[in-house]
C-alpha atoms as a PDB file:
ATOM      1  CA  ALA A   1      12.322   9.110  -3.331  1.00  0.00           C
ATOM      2  CA  CYS A   2      12.337   9.467  -7.047  1.00  0.00           C
ATOM      3  CA  TYR A   3       8.669  10.603  -7.100  1.00  0.00           C
ATOM      4  CA  VAL A   4       9.628  13.067  -4.397  1.00  0.00           C
ATOM      5  CA  ALA A   5      12.754  14.389  -6.410  1.00  0.00           C
ATOM      6  CA  MET A   6      10.239  15.063  -9.454  1.00  0.00           C
ATOM      7  CA  GLU A   7       7.851  16.912  -7.382  1.00  0.00           C
ATOM      8  CA  ARG A   8      10.806  19.082  -6.003  1.00  0.00           C
ATOM      9  CA  GLU A   9      12.031  20.035  -9.351  1.00  0.00           C
ATOM     10  CA  LEU A  10       8.347  20.775 -10.387  1.00  0.00           C
ATOM     11  CA  ALA A  11       8.044  23.195  -7.589  1.00  0.00           C
ATOM     12  CA  ARG A  12      10.458  25.419  -9.570  1.00  0.00           C
ATOM     13  CA  VAL A  13       8.389  25.568 -12.743  1.00  0.00           C
ATOM     14  CA  PRO A  14       5.692  28.163 -12.698  1.00  0.00           C
ATOM     15  CA  GLY A  15       2.185  26.749 -12.623  1.00  0.00           C
ATOM     16  CA  ALA A  16       3.347  23.346 -12.275  1.00  0.00           C
ATOM     17  CA  ALA A  17       4.410  23.121  -8.509  1.00  0.00           C
ATOM     18  CA  PRO A  18       2.766  20.336  -6.633  1.00  0.00           C
ATOM     19  CA  GLN A  19       0.213  21.489  -3.925  1.00  0.00           C
ATOM     20  CA  ASP A  20      -0.081  19.603  -0.398  1.00  0.00           C
ATOM     21  CA  PHE A  21      -3.646  18.086  -1.530  1.00  0.00           C
ATOM     22  CA  ASP A  22      -2.827  16.860  -4.766  1.00  0.00           C
ATOM     23  CA  THR A  23      -2.910  12.990  -5.576  1.00  0.00           C
ATOM     24  CA  ALA A  24      -0.076  12.199  -7.746  1.00  0.00           C
ATOM     25  CA  SER A  25      -2.282  11.857 -10.856  1.00  0.00           C
ATOM     26  CA  GLU A  26      -3.085  15.598 -10.267  1.00  0.00           C
ATOM     27  CA  VAL A  27       0.673  16.600  -9.837  1.00  0.00           C
ATOM     28  CA  LEU A  28       1.362  14.739 -13.177  1.00  0.00           C
ATOM     29  CA  ALA A  29      -1.732  16.357 -14.974  1.00  0.00           C
ATOM     30  CA  ARG A  30      -0.737  19.841 -14.000  1.00  0.00           C
ATOM     31  CA  ALA A  31       2.732  19.319 -15.019  1.00  0.00           C
ATOM     32  CA  VAL A  32       1.816  18.059 -18.442  1.00  0.00           C
ATOM     33  CA  GLU A  33      -0.764  20.845 -18.938  1.00  0.00           C
ATOM     34  CA  GLN A  34       1.933  23.360 -18.026  1.00  0.00           C
ATOM     35  CA  HIS A  35       4.151  21.697 -20.401  1.00  0.00           C
ATOM     36  CA  ALA A  36       6.584  21.110 -17.644  1.00  0.00           C
ATOM     37  CA  LEU A  37       6.669  17.447 -18.445  1.00  0.00           C
ATOM     38  CA  ARG A  38       5.864  15.062 -21.184  1.00  0.00           C
ATOM     39  CA  PRO A  39       3.392  12.172 -20.188  1.00  0.00           C
ATOM     40  CA  GLY A  40       5.481   9.069 -20.946  1.00  0.00           C
ATOM     41  CA  ALA A  41       8.223   8.803 -18.480  1.00  0.00           C
ATOM     42  CA  ALA A  42       6.324  11.055 -15.749  1.00  0.00           C
ATOM     43  CA  THR A  43       3.325   8.573 -16.118  1.00  0.00           C
ATOM     44  CA  GLN A  44       5.595   5.689 -15.666  1.00  0.00           C
ATOM     45  CA  LEU A  45       7.152   7.217 -12.238  1.00  0.00           C
ATOM     46  CA  VAL A  46       3.584   8.097 -11.143  1.00  0.00           C
ATOM     47  CA  HIS A  47       2.460   4.413 -11.622  1.00  0.00           C
ATOM     48  CA  LEU A  48       5.535   3.177  -9.983  1.00  0.00           C
ATOM     49  CA  PHE A  49       5.014   5.659  -6.943  1.00  0.00           C
ATOM     50  CA  GLU A  50       1.317   4.497  -6.643  1.00  0.00           C
ATOM     51  CA  GLU A  51       2.374   0.799  -6.817  1.00  0.00           C
ATOM     52  CA  ALA A  52       4.603   1.366  -3.970  1.00  0.00           C
ATOM     53  CA  ARG A  53       2.324   3.175  -1.961  1.00  0.00           C
ATOM     54  CA  PHE A  54      -0.856   1.177  -2.462  1.00  0.00           C
ATOM     55  CA  SER A  55      -0.005  -2.260  -3.373  1.00  0.00           C
ATOM     56  CA  PRO A  56       0.579  -4.997  -0.652  1.00  0.00           C
ATOM     57  CA  HIS A  57       3.712  -6.538  -2.218  1.00  0.00           C
ATOM     58  CA  VAL A  58       7.380  -5.562  -1.509  1.00  0.00           C
ATOM     59  CA  MET A  59       9.194  -3.300  -3.917  1.00  0.00           C
ATOM     60  CA  ASP A  60      12.394  -4.894  -5.071  1.00  0.00           C
ATOM     61  CA  GLU A  61      15.751  -3.665  -6.404  1.00  0.00           C
ATOM     62  CA  GLY A  62      14.441  -3.865 -10.108  1.00  0.00           C
ATOM     63  CA  HIS A  63      11.529  -1.448  -9.071  1.00  0.00           C
ATOM     64  CA  ARG A  64      14.121   0.741  -7.608  1.00  0.00           C
ATOM     65  CA  ALA A  65      16.260   0.716 -10.608  1.00  0.00           C
ATOM     66  CA  THR A  66      13.495   1.291 -13.138  1.00  0.00           C
ATOM     67  CA  ALA A  67      12.492   4.322 -10.947  1.00  0.00           C
ATOM     68  CA  VAL A  68      16.129   5.876 -11.111  1.00  0.00           C
ATOM     69  CA  ASP A  69      16.087   5.431 -14.800  1.00  0.00           C
ATOM     70  CA  VAL A  70      12.680   6.808 -15.387  1.00  0.00           C
ATOM     71  CA  LEU A  71      13.452   9.891 -12.910  1.00  0.00           C
ATOM     72  CA  ASN A  72      16.589  10.529 -14.987  1.00  0.00           C
ATOM     73  CA  GLN A  73      14.243  10.764 -18.138  1.00  0.00           C
ATOM     74  CA  VAL A  74      11.753  13.078 -16.631  1.00  0.00           C
ATOM     75  CA  LEU A  75      14.464  15.462 -15.196  1.00  0.00           C
ATOM     76  CA  ALA A  76      16.148  15.332 -18.706  1.00  0.00           C
ATOM     77  CA  GLU A  77      12.733  16.431 -20.348  1.00  0.00           C
ATOM     78  CA  MET A  78      12.049  19.261 -17.831  1.00  0.00           C
ATOM     79  CA  PRO A  79      12.644  22.783 -18.868  1.00  0.00           C
ATOM     80  CA  SER A  80      15.701  24.502 -17.276  1.00  0.00           C
ATOM     81  CA  PRO A  81      15.016  26.909 -14.586  1.00  0.00           C
ATOM     82  CA  ALA A  82      14.702  30.657 -15.748  1.00  0.00           C
END
């Protein structure tokens, strides 16, 4: 849910909007290239998303709390909508 929230906010940034066919890494790369995000916290959020999606283990409350914290950092770094 945190990754989806980041994508929703990126959709408002010209040139950084995620495309339906993008991987999480491609979304991140475009957002960084367009200066919509700095790579630090956004990279951490993408890694958490990929872990949740592709690993066989269950994500726990600690993962969720980390994702929420990182999402808040990402959103704070994003430029304000024009």
